[in-house]
Structure formats: structure tokens, C-alpha cells
Amino acid sequence: MAEIILSEDNFEKEVLQSEIPVLVDFWATWCGPCRMLAPTIAKIAEEQEGKIKVGKIDVDEEPELSVKYGIASIPTLMVFKNGEVVNKSIGVIPKAAIEALLN
């Protein structure tokens, strides 16, 4: 499963009601660091398929979700388990650090 494009419409179903952990990437098309992080996020989505979901939220297209989760800087990664945020990271981090957020 590739990355899921998240929106106000599918966020509850895909993230809050998910039975497996969800890594959510808050990003924007104009954000250089977000573009740097994107291939790493895609690789994790591929490698961890079935164990986790990976979703992306474009902060420009989904301002309500950005405000709801207090996104002040991007990229911001959040890990949701059982509908709750259990981990968060801001900025570009290496793949190993992202994987550590998931555990």
C-alpha cells in the first residue's frame, strides 16, 4: 500500500479508527525539507506495509487538521496508535529515527 493522502474526510477512518499504527507526515509542496524527507517516508511505507499505515497531510490543503494538531513547523511527523498521538518529530530526521518513533 502506498502512502494515503489524508484529508478532513478520511482522517477519522484512516487514522483515528486504524487498528495498526499510523505515521502521519504533515508537509507542503513548497517546503524543501519536506521534499527531502519524502523519499524516506515512501520507503518506510513500502517496507512496513501491513504493519503500519503512512499518511500525508498537505498543510495548505487541510488547514483544519494542521490547526487541530498544533502544526507550527513542517515537516512534522506524528505517530498515532488507537486514535492517540504517541510520538512526534519536527524537521528532517534520518530513517532510523523515524523507525524508532514507530516502536
PDB file of N, CA and C in Angstrom:
ATOM      1  N   MET A   1       0.852  -1.185   0.000  1.00  0.00           N
ATOM      2  CA  MET A   1       0.000   0.000   0.000  1.00  0.00           C
ATOM      3  C   MET A   1       0.893   1.242   0.000  1.00  0.00           C
ATOM      4  N   ALA A   2       0.599   2.125  -0.889  1.00  0.00           N
ATOM      5  CA  ALA A   2       1.360   3.373  -0.946  1.00  0.00           C
ATOM      6  C   ALA A   2       0.899   4.292   0.183  1.00  0.00           C
ATOM      7  N   GLU A   3       1.467   5.461   0.216  1.00  0.00           N
ATOM      8  CA  GLU A   3       1.050   6.450   1.205  1.00  0.00           C
ATOM      9  C   GLU A   3      -0.396   6.867   0.926  1.00  0.00           C
ATOM     10  N   ILE A   4      -1.108   7.146   1.984  1.00  0.00           N
ATOM     11  CA  ILE A   4      -2.506   7.570   1.885  1.00  0.00           C
ATOM     12  C   ILE A   4      -2.538   9.093   1.957  1.00  0.00           C
ATOM     13  N   ILE A   5      -3.247   9.712   1.027  1.00  0.00           N
ATOM     14  CA  ILE A   5      -3.435  11.166   1.092  1.00  0.00           C
ATOM     15  C   ILE A   5      -4.583  11.399   2.074  1.00  0.00           C
ATOM     16  N   LEU A   6      -4.265  12.050   3.184  1.00  0.00           N
ATOM     17  CA  LEU A   6      -5.261  12.258   4.232  1.00  0.00           C
ATOM     18  C   LEU A   6      -5.940  13.614   4.085  1.00  0.00           C
ATOM     19  N   SER A   7      -7.219  13.634   4.460  1.00  0.00           N
ATOM     20  CA  SER A   7      -7.992  14.868   4.424  1.00  0.00           C
ATOM     21  C   SER A   7      -8.967  14.839   5.601  1.00  0.00           C
ATOM     22  N   GLU A   8      -9.650  15.936   5.764  1.00  0.00           N
ATOM     23  CA  GLU A   8     -10.681  16.029   6.795  1.00  0.00           C
ATOM     24  C   GLU A   8     -11.700  14.889   6.612  1.00  0.00           C
ATOM     25  N   ASP A   9     -11.959  14.516   5.346  1.00  0.00           N
ATOM     26  CA  ASP A   9     -12.970  13.500   5.031  1.00  0.00           C
ATOM     27  C   ASP A   9     -12.584  12.087   5.462  1.00  0.00           C
ATOM     28  N   ASN A  10     -11.302  11.718   5.312  1.00  0.00           N
ATOM     29  CA  ASN A  10     -10.922  10.329   5.606  1.00  0.00           C
ATOM     30  C   ASN A  10     -10.048  10.175   6.850  1.00  0.00           C
ATOM     31  N   PHE A  11      -9.723  11.280   7.524  1.00  0.00           N
ATOM     32  CA  PHE A  11      -8.797  11.234   8.661  1.00  0.00           C
ATOM     33  C   PHE A  11      -9.297  10.322   9.777  1.00  0.00           C
ATOM     34  N   GLU A  12     -10.560  10.467  10.153  1.00  0.00           N
ATOM     35  CA  GLU A  12     -11.071   9.657  11.253  1.00  0.00           C
ATOM     36  C   GLU A  12     -10.989   8.167  10.930  1.00  0.00           C
ATOM     37  N   LYS A  13     -11.447   7.790   9.737  1.00  0.00           N
ATOM     38  CA  LYS A  13     -11.450   6.374   9.340  1.00  0.00           C
ATOM     39  C   LYS A  13     -10.030   5.826   9.214  1.00  0.00           C
ATOM     40  N   GLU A  14      -9.154   6.556   8.499  1.00  0.00           N
ATOM     41  CA  GLU A  14      -7.814   6.050   8.197  1.00  0.00           C
ATOM     42  C   GLU A  14      -6.844   6.134   9.374  1.00  0.00           C
ATOM     43  N   VAL A  15      -7.016   7.141  10.236  1.00  0.00           N
ATOM     44  CA  VAL A  15      -6.047   7.358  11.317  1.00  0.00           C
ATOM     45  C   VAL A  15      -6.645   7.023  12.680  1.00  0.00           C
ATOM     46  N   LEU A  16      -7.705   7.718  13.054  1.00  0.00           N
ATOM     47  CA  LEU A  16      -8.241   7.571  14.411  1.00  0.00           C
ATOM     48  C   LEU A  16      -8.863   6.194  14.656  1.00  0.00           C
ATOM     49  N   GLN A  17      -9.417   5.566  13.623  1.00  0.00           N
ATOM     50  CA  GLN A  17     -10.029   4.249  13.783  1.00  0.00           C
ATOM     51  C   GLN A  17      -9.140   3.113  13.289  1.00  0.00           C
ATOM     52  N   SER A  18      -7.911   3.423  12.933  1.00  0.00           N
ATOM     53  CA  SER A  18      -6.998   2.405  12.399  1.00  0.00           C
ATOM     54  C   SER A  18      -6.640   1.383  13.478  1.00  0.00           C
ATOM     55  N   GLU A  19      -6.579   0.115  13.066  1.00  0.00           N
ATOM     56  CA  GLU A  19      -6.199  -0.948  14.001  1.00  0.00           C
ATOM     57  C   GLU A  19      -4.688  -1.120  14.078  1.00  0.00           C
ATOM     58  N   ILE A  20      -3.959  -0.494  13.147  1.00  0.00           N
ATOM     59  CA  ILE A  20      -2.494  -0.538  13.185  1.00  0.00           C
ATOM     60  C   ILE A  20      -1.979   0.896  13.323  1.00  0.00           C
ATOM     61  N   PRO A  21      -0.733   1.056  13.812  1.00  0.00           N
ATOM     62  CA  PRO A  21      -0.183   2.407  13.963  1.00  0.00           C
ATOM     63  C   PRO A  21      -0.154   3.164  12.633  1.00  0.00           C
ATOM     64  N   VAL A  22      -0.295   4.487  12.715  1.00  0.00           N
ATOM     65  CA  VAL A  22      -0.287   5.337  11.524  1.00  0.00           C
ATOM     66  C   VAL A  22       0.768   6.420  11.692  1.00  0.00           C
ATOM     67  N   LEU A  23       1.675   6.490  10.714  1.00  0.00           N
ATOM     68  CA  LEU A  23       2.659   7.564  10.651  1.00  0.00           C
ATOM     69  C   LEU A  23       2.072   8.646   9.758  1.00  0.00           C
ATOM     70  N   VAL A  24       1.877   9.846  10.312  1.00  0.00           N
ATOM     71  CA  VAL A  24       1.291  10.945   9.546  1.00  0.00           C
ATOM     72  C   VAL A  24       2.363  12.007   9.305  1.00  0.00           C
ATOM     73  N   ASP A  25       2.531  12.343   8.024  1.00  0.00           N
ATOM     74  CA  ASP A  25       3.509  13.341   7.602  1.00  0.00           C
ATOM     75  C   ASP A  25       2.758  14.626   7.228  1.00  0.00           C
ATOM     76  N   PHE A  26       2.945  15.672   8.038  1.00  0.00           N
ATOM     77  CA  PHE A  26       2.393  16.996   7.722  1.00  0.00           C
ATOM     78  C   PHE A  26       3.443  17.717   6.874  1.00  0.00           C
ATOM     79  N   TRP A  27       3.077  18.122   5.653  1.00  0.00           N
ATOM     80  CA  TRP A  27       4.041  18.663   4.703  1.00  0.00           C
ATOM     81  C   TRP A  27       3.381  19.701   3.798  1.00  0.00           C
ATOM     82  N   ALA A  28       4.174  20.284   2.901  1.00  0.00           N
ATOM     83  CA  ALA A  28       3.650  21.201   1.885  1.00  0.00           C
ATOM     84  C   ALA A  28       4.530  21.098   0.639  1.00  0.00           C
ATOM     85  N   THR A  29       3.944  21.379  -0.510  1.00  0.00           N
ATOM     86  CA  THR A  29       4.673  21.256  -1.781  1.00  0.00           C
ATOM     87  C   THR A  29       5.850  22.221  -1.871  1.00  0.00           C
ATOM     88  N   TRP A  30       5.744  23.390  -1.252  1.00  0.00           N
ATOM     89  CA  TRP A  30       6.784  24.420  -1.328  1.00  0.00           C
ATOM     90  C   TRP A  30       7.904  24.231  -0.305  1.00  0.00           C
ATOM     91  N   CYS A  31       7.777  23.228   0.549  1.00  0.00           N
ATOM     92  CA  CYS A  31       8.709  23.026   1.674  1.00  0.00           C
ATOM     93  C   CYS A  31       9.881  22.140   1.244  1.00  0.00           C
ATOM     94  N   GLY A  32      11.069  22.734   1.132  1.00  0.00           N
ATOM     95  CA  GLY A  32      12.269  21.986   0.733  1.00  0.00           C
ATOM     96  C   GLY A  32      12.577  20.802   1.642  1.00  0.00           C
ATOM     97  N   PRO A  33      12.628  21.008   2.978  1.00  0.00           N
ATOM     98  CA  PRO A  33      12.886  19.883   3.874  1.00  0.00           C
ATOM     99  C   PRO A  33      11.835  18.770   3.746  1.00  0.00           C
ATOM    100  N   CYS A  34      10.582  19.149   3.474  1.00  0.00           N
ATOM    101  CA  CYS A  34       9.524  18.139   3.285  1.00  0.00           C
ATOM    102  C   CYS A  34       9.841  17.277   2.072  1.00  0.00           C
ATOM    103  N   ARG A  35      10.300  17.925   0.999  1.00  0.00           N
ATOM    104  CA  ARG A  35      10.642  17.181  -0.218  1.00  0.00           C
ATOM    105  C   ARG A  35      11.856  16.284   0.019  1.00  0.00           C
ATOM    106  N   MET A  36      12.786  16.746   0.863  1.00  0.00           N
ATOM    107  CA  MET A  36      13.959  15.918   1.207  1.00  0.00           C
ATOM    108  C   MET A  36      13.535  14.662   1.965  1.00  0.00           C
ATOM    109  N   LEU A  37      12.537  14.798   2.825  1.00  0.00           N
ATOM    110  CA  LEU A  37      12.089  13.697   3.672  1.00  0.00           C
ATOM    111  C   LEU A  37      11.187  12.708   2.923  1.00  0.00           C
ATOM    112  N   ALA A  38      10.526  13.174   1.854  1.00  0.00           N
ATOM    113  CA  ALA A  38       9.517  12.369   1.148  1.00  0.00           C
ATOM    114  C   ALA A  38       9.992  10.982   0.702  1.00  0.00           C
ATOM    115  N   PRO A  39      11.190  10.845   0.096  1.00  0.00           N
ATOM    116  CA  PRO A  39      11.611   9.505  -0.333  1.00  0.00           C
ATOM    117  C   PRO A  39      11.788   8.543   0.850  1.00  0.00           C
ATOM    118  N   THR A  40      12.239   9.061   1.983  1.00  0.00           N
ATOM    119  CA  THR A  40      12.410   8.232   3.181  1.00  0.00           C
ATOM    120  C   THR A  40      11.054   7.746   3.684  1.00  0.00           C
ATOM    121  N   ILE A  41      10.072   8.653   3.700  1.00  0.00           N
ATOM    122  CA  ILE A  41       8.718   8.292   4.137  1.00  0.00           C
ATOM    123  C   ILE A  41       8.139   7.225   3.204  1.00  0.00           C
ATOM    124  N   ALA A  42       8.345   7.406   1.899  1.00  0.00           N
ATOM    125  CA  ALA A  42       7.830   6.444   0.915  1.00  0.00           C
ATOM    126  C   ALA A  42       8.471   5.073   1.113  1.00  0.00           C
ATOM    127  N   LYS A  43       9.762   5.055   1.414  1.00  0.00           N
ATOM    128  CA  LYS A  43      10.485   3.790   1.637  1.00  0.00           C
ATOM    129  C   LYS A  43       9.938   3.074   2.868  1.00  0.00           C
ATOM    130  N   ILE A  44       9.691   3.818   3.940  1.00  0.00           N
ATOM    131  CA  ILE A  44       9.128   3.226   5.158  1.00  0.00           C
ATOM    132  C   ILE A  44       7.736   2.664   4.869  1.00  0.00           C
ATOM    133  N   ALA A  45       6.934   3.399   4.097  1.00  0.00           N
ATOM    134  CA  ALA A  45       5.585   2.933   3.747  1.00  0.00           C
ATOM    135  C   ALA A  45       5.666   1.584   3.031  1.00  0.00           C
ATOM    136  N   GLU A  46       6.642   1.466   2.147  1.00  0.00           N
ATOM    137  CA  GLU A  46       6.824   0.241   1.370  1.00  0.00           C
ATOM    138  C   GLU A  46       7.305  -0.902   2.274  1.00  0.00           C
ATOM    139  N   GLU A  47       8.328  -0.641   3.071  1.00  0.00           N
ATOM    140  CA  GLU A  47       8.941  -1.684   3.907  1.00  0.00           C
ATOM    141  C   GLU A  47       8.035  -2.155   5.037  1.00  0.00           C
ATOM    142  N   GLN A  48       7.225  -1.260   5.578  1.00  0.00           N
ATOM    143  CA  GLN A  48       6.411  -1.586   6.753  1.00  0.00           C
ATOM    144  C   GLN A  48       4.961  -1.899   6.382  1.00  0.00           C
ATOM    145  N   GLU A  49       4.698  -2.103   5.093  1.00  0.00           N
ATOM    146  CA  GLU A  49       3.342  -2.368   4.626  1.00  0.00           C
ATOM    147  C   GLU A  49       2.709  -3.511   5.417  1.00  0.00           C
ATOM    148  N   GLY A  50       1.469  -3.273   5.872  1.00  0.00           N
ATOM    149  CA  GLY A  50       0.763  -4.282   6.658  1.00  0.00           C
ATOM    150  C   GLY A  50       0.995  -4.130   8.156  1.00  0.00           C
ATOM    151  N   LYS A  51       2.148  -3.521   8.544  1.00  0.00           N
ATOM    152  CA  LYS A  51       2.444  -3.311   9.962  1.00  0.00           C
ATOM    153  C   LYS A  51       2.015  -1.915  10.408  1.00  0.00           C
ATOM    154  N   ILE A  52       2.192  -0.959   9.500  1.00  0.00           N
ATOM    155  CA  ILE A  52       1.785   0.432   9.779  1.00  0.00           C
ATOM    156  C   ILE A  52       1.118   1.002   8.535  1.00  0.00           C
ATOM    157  N   LYS A  53       0.412   2.116   8.720  1.00  0.00           N
ATOM    158  CA  LYS A  53      -0.077   2.917   7.598  1.00  0.00           C
ATOM    159  C   LYS A  53       0.759   4.188   7.577  1.00  0.00           C
ATOM    160  N   VAL A  54       0.918   4.747   6.398  1.00  0.00           N
ATOM    161  CA  VAL A  54       1.603   6.030   6.264  1.00  0.00           C
ATOM    162  C   VAL A  54       0.668   6.981   5.531  1.00  0.00           C
ATOM    163  N   GLY A  55       0.393   8.110   6.166  1.00  0.00           N
ATOM    164  CA  GLY A  55      -0.487   9.104   5.577  1.00  0.00           C
ATOM    165  C   GLY A  55       0.207  10.439   5.446  1.00  0.00           C
ATOM    166  N   LYS A  56      -0.201  11.203   4.444  1.00  0.00           N
ATOM    167  CA  LYS A  56       0.372  12.523   4.224  1.00  0.00           C
ATOM    168  C   LYS A  56      -0.736  13.572   4.252  1.00  0.00           C
ATOM    169  N   ILE A  57      -0.456  14.674   4.939  1.00  0.00           N
ATOM    170  CA  ILE A  57      -1.401  15.789   5.006  1.00  0.00           C
ATOM    171  C   ILE A  57      -0.708  17.034   4.478  1.00  0.00           C
ATOM    172  N   ASP A  58      -1.217  17.569   3.376  1.00  0.00           N
ATOM    173  CA  ASP A  58      -0.718  18.830   2.835  1.00  0.00           C
ATOM    174  C   ASP A  58      -1.328  19.948   3.689  1.00  0.00           C
ATOM    175  N   VAL A  59      -0.475  20.639   4.438  1.00  0.00           N
ATOM    176  CA  VAL A  59      -0.979  21.645   5.388  1.00  0.00           C
ATOM    177  C   VAL A  59      -1.725  22.787   4.698  1.00  0.00           C
ATOM    178  N   ASP A  60      -1.409  23.046   3.433  1.00  0.00           N
ATOM    179  CA  ASP A  60      -2.111  24.107   2.701  1.00  0.00           C
ATOM    180  C   ASP A  60      -3.517  23.668   2.299  1.00  0.00           C
ATOM    181  N   GLU A  61      -3.672  22.378   2.020  1.00  0.00           N
ATOM    182  CA  GLU A  61      -4.973  21.871   1.594  1.00  0.00           C
ATOM    183  C   GLU A  61      -5.864  21.467   2.768  1.00  0.00           C
ATOM    184  N   GLU A  62      -5.259  21.202   3.921  1.00  0.00           N
ATOM    185  CA  GLU A  62      -6.015  20.747   5.094  1.00  0.00           C
ATOM    186  C   GLU A  62      -5.666  21.598   6.326  1.00  0.00           C
ATOM    187  N   PRO A  63      -5.969  22.901   6.270  1.00  0.00           N
ATOM    188  CA  PRO A  63      -5.581  23.770   7.396  1.00  0.00           C
ATOM    189  C   PRO A  63      -6.258  23.390   8.718  1.00  0.00           C
ATOM    190  N   GLU A  64      -7.475  22.834   8.670  1.00  0.00           N
ATOM    191  CA  GLU A  64      -8.182  22.475   9.910  1.00  0.00           C
ATOM    192  C   GLU A  64      -7.408  21.401  10.671  1.00  0.00           C
ATOM    193  N   LEU A  65      -6.929  20.385   9.962  1.00  0.00           N
ATOM    194  CA  LEU A  65      -6.169  19.316  10.622  1.00  0.00           C
ATOM    195  C   LEU A  65      -4.849  19.847  11.166  1.00  0.00           C
ATOM    196  N   SER A  66      -4.224  20.756  10.436  1.00  0.00           N
ATOM    197  CA  SER A  66      -2.959  21.347  10.885  1.00  0.00           C
ATOM    198  C   SER A  66      -3.159  22.109  12.190  1.00  0.00           C
ATOM    199  N   VAL A  67      -4.241  22.883  12.251  1.00  0.00           N
ATOM    200  CA  VAL A  67      -4.546  23.655  13.465  1.00  0.00           C
ATOM    201  C   VAL A  67      -4.895  22.703  14.613  1.00  0.00           C
ATOM    202  N   LYS A  68      -5.724  21.711  14.323  1.00  0.00           N
ATOM    203  CA  LYS A  68      -6.162  20.767  15.349  1.00  0.00           C
ATOM    204  C   LYS A  68      -4.977  20.090  16.034  1.00  0.00           C
ATOM    205  N   TYR A  69      -3.933  19.764  15.256  1.00  0.00           N
ATOM    206  CA  TYR A  69      -2.777  19.067  15.819  1.00  0.00           C
ATOM    207  C   TYR A  69      -1.593  19.992  16.103  1.00  0.00           C
ATOM    208  N   GLY A  70      -1.844  21.306  16.079  1.00  0.00           N
ATOM    209  CA  GLY A  70      -0.837  22.278  16.506  1.00  0.00           C
ATOM    210  C   GLY A  70       0.411  22.313  15.644  1.00  0.00           C
ATOM    211  N   ILE A  71       0.243  22.148  14.352  1.00  0.00           N
ATOM    212  CA  ILE A  71       1.401  22.139  13.460  1.00  0.00           C
ATOM    213  C   ILE A  71       1.901  23.570  13.254  1.00  0.00           C
ATOM    214  N   ALA A  72       3.112  23.838  13.755  1.00  0.00           N
ATOM    215  CA  ALA A  72       3.704  25.167  13.631  1.00  0.00           C
ATOM    216  C   ALA A  72       4.869  25.144  12.647  1.00  0.00           C
ATOM    217  N   SER A  73       5.517  23.990  12.503  1.00  0.00           N
ATOM    218  CA  SER A  73       6.650  23.836  11.592  1.00  0.00           C
ATOM    219  C   SER A  73       6.457  22.553  10.798  1.00  0.00           C
ATOM    220  N   ILE A  74       6.960  22.568   9.570  1.00  0.00           N
ATOM    221  CA  ILE A  74       6.902  21.349   8.763  1.00  0.00           C
ATOM    222  C   ILE A  74       8.302  21.071   8.221  1.00  0.00           C
ATOM    223  N   PRO A  75       8.635  19.811   7.961  1.00  0.00           N
ATOM    224  CA  PRO A  75       7.785  18.646   8.159  1.00  0.00           C
ATOM    225  C   PRO A  75       7.607  18.291   9.634  1.00  0.00           C
ATOM    226  N   THR A  76       6.405  17.848   9.961  1.00  0.00           N
ATOM    227  CA  THR A  76       6.128  17.279  11.277  1.00  0.00           C
ATOM    228  C   THR A  76       5.608  15.864  11.061  1.00  0.00           C
ATOM    229  N   LEU A  77       6.184  14.926  11.777  1.00  0.00           N
ATOM    230  CA  LEU A  77       5.722  13.538  11.741  1.00  0.00           C
ATOM    231  C   LEU A  77       5.029  13.232  13.052  1.00  0.00           C
ATOM    232  N   MET A  78       3.881  12.568  12.976  1.00  0.00           N
ATOM    233  CA  MET A  78       3.170  12.125  14.181  1.00  0.00           C
ATOM    234  C   MET A  78       2.830  10.653  14.027  1.00  0.00           C
ATOM    235  N   VAL A  79       2.968   9.925  15.131  1.00  0.00           N
ATOM    236  CA  VAL A  79       2.583   8.519  15.146  1.00  0.00           C
ATOM    237  C   VAL A  79       1.317   8.403  15.982  1.00  0.00           C
ATOM    238  N   PHE A  80       0.284   7.822  15.388  1.00  0.00           N
ATOM    239  CA  PHE A  80      -0.990   7.599  16.063  1.00  0.00           C
ATOM    240  C   PHE A  80      -1.153   6.110  16.345  1.00  0.00           C
ATOM    241  N   LYS A  81      -1.537   5.793  17.582  1.00  0.00           N
ATOM    242  CA  LYS A  81      -1.922   4.424  17.931  1.00  0.00           C
ATOM    243  C   LYS A  81      -3.234   4.512  18.684  1.00  0.00           C
ATOM    244  N   ASN A  82      -4.192   3.704  18.288  1.00  0.00           N
ATOM    245  CA  ASN A  82      -5.516   3.704  18.917  1.00  0.00           C
ATOM    246  C   ASN A  82      -6.125   5.099  18.977  1.00  0.00           C
ATOM    247  N   GLY A  83      -5.919   5.884  17.920  1.00  0.00           N
ATOM    248  CA  GLY A  83      -6.522   7.212  17.823  1.00  0.00           C
ATOM    249  C   GLY A  83      -5.826   8.300  18.604  1.00  0.00           C
ATOM    250  N   GLU A  84      -4.704   7.973  19.242  1.00  0.00           N
ATOM    251  CA  GLU A  84      -3.978   8.959  20.052  1.00  0.00           C
ATOM    252  C   GLU A  84      -2.583   9.212  19.470  1.00  0.00           C
ATOM    253  N   VAL A  85      -2.100  10.447  19.607  1.00  0.00           N
ATOM    254  CA  VAL A  85      -0.722  10.751  19.205  1.00  0.00           C
ATOM    255  C   VAL A  85       0.204  10.171  20.274  1.00  0.00           C
ATOM    256  N   VAL A  86       1.102   9.278  19.863  1.00  0.00           N
ATOM    257  CA  VAL A  86       2.030   8.666  20.818  1.00  0.00           C
ATOM    258  C   VAL A  86       3.469   9.121  20.605  1.00  0.00           C
ATOM    259  N   ASN A  87       3.740   9.736  19.457  1.00  0.00           N
ATOM    260  CA  ASN A  87       5.085  10.223  19.187  1.00  0.00           C
ATOM    261  C   ASN A  87       5.030  11.324  18.153  1.00  0.00           C
ATOM    262  N   LYS A  88       6.030  12.213  18.182  1.00  0.00           N
ATOM    263  CA  LYS A  88       6.035  13.366  17.282  1.00  0.00           C
ATOM    264  C   LYS A  88       7.472  13.781  17.031  1.00  0.00           C
ATOM    265  N   SER A  89       7.742  14.228  15.814  1.00  0.00           N
ATOM    266  CA  SER A  89       9.066  14.739  15.473  1.00  0.00           C
ATOM    267  C   SER A  89       8.894  15.892  14.490  1.00  0.00           C
ATOM    268  N   ILE A  90       9.721  16.926  14.654  1.00  0.00           N
ATOM    269  CA  ILE A  90       9.665  18.085  13.760  1.00  0.00           C
ATOM    270  C   ILE A  90      10.994  18.200  13.039  1.00  0.00           C
ATOM    271  N   GLY A  91      10.930  18.414  11.730  1.00  0.00           N
ATOM    272  CA  GLY A  91      12.142  18.575  10.935  1.00  0.00           C
ATOM    273  C   GLY A  91      12.544  17.293  10.239  1.00  0.00           C
ATOM    274  N   VAL A  92      13.615  17.394   9.461  1.00  0.00           N
ATOM    275  CA  VAL A  92      14.129  16.230   8.729  1.00  0.00           C
ATOM    276  C   VAL A  92      14.940  15.376   9.693  1.00  0.00           C
ATOM    277  N   ILE A  93      14.589  14.100   9.769  1.00  0.00           N
ATOM    278  CA  ILE A  93      15.334  13.166  10.613  1.00  0.00           C
ATOM    279  C   ILE A  93      15.668  11.926   9.782  1.00  0.00           C
ATOM    280  N   PRO A  94      16.716  11.195  10.172  1.00  0.00           N
ATOM    281  CA  PRO A  94      17.089  10.010   9.400  1.00  0.00           C
ATOM    282  C   PRO A  94      16.056   8.884   9.531  1.00  0.00           C
ATOM    283  N   LYS A  95      16.118   7.957   8.591  1.00  0.00           N
ATOM    284  CA  LYS A  95      15.183   6.838   8.530  1.00  0.00           C
ATOM    285  C   LYS A  95      15.144   6.068   9.858  1.00  0.00           C
ATOM    286  N   ALA A  96      16.315   5.811  10.438  1.00  0.00           N
ATOM    287  CA  ALA A  96      16.377   5.058  11.697  1.00  0.00           C
ATOM    288  C   ALA A  96      15.614   5.776  12.807  1.00  0.00           C
ATOM    289  N   ALA A  97      15.682   7.100  12.824  1.00  0.00           N
ATOM    290  CA  ALA A  97      14.978   7.876  13.850  1.00  0.00           C
ATOM    291  C   ALA A  97      13.469   7.801  13.641  1.00  0.00           C
ATOM    292  N   ILE A  98      13.042   7.783  12.366  1.00  0.00           N
ATOM    293  CA  ILE A  98      11.612   7.649  12.080  1.00  0.00           C
ATOM    294  C   ILE A  98      11.126   6.265  12.535  1.00  0.00           C
ATOM    295  N   GLU A  99      11.921   5.244  12.228  1.00  0.00           N
ATOM    296  CA  GLU A  99      11.565   3.881  12.627  1.00  0.00           C
ATOM    297  C   GLU A  99      11.497   3.775  14.150  1.00  0.00           C
ATOM    298  N   ALA A 100      12.381   4.490  14.850  1.00  0.00           N
ATOM    299  CA  ALA A 100      12.362   4.479  16.321  1.00  0.00           C
ATOM    300  C   ALA A 100      11.079   5.117  16.854  1.00  0.00           C
ATOM    301  N   LEU A 101      10.563   6.137  16.158  1.00  0.00           N
ATOM    302  CA  LEU A 101       9.299   6.760  16.572  1.00  0.00           C
ATOM    303  C   LEU A 101       8.156   5.741  16.544  1.00  0.00           C
ATOM    304  N   LEU A 102       8.249   4.800  15.612  1.00  0.00           N
ATOM    305  CA  LEU A 102       7.168   3.820  15.419  1.00  0.00           C
ATOM    306  C   LEU A 102       7.172   2.735  16.489  1.00  0.00           C
ATOM    307  N   ASN A 103       8.300   2.551  17.180  1.00  0.00           N
ATOM    308  CA  ASN A 103       8.400   1.439  18.149  1.00  0.00           C
ATOM    309  C   ASN A 103       8.113   1.834  19.569  1.00  0.00           C
TER     310      ASN A 103
END
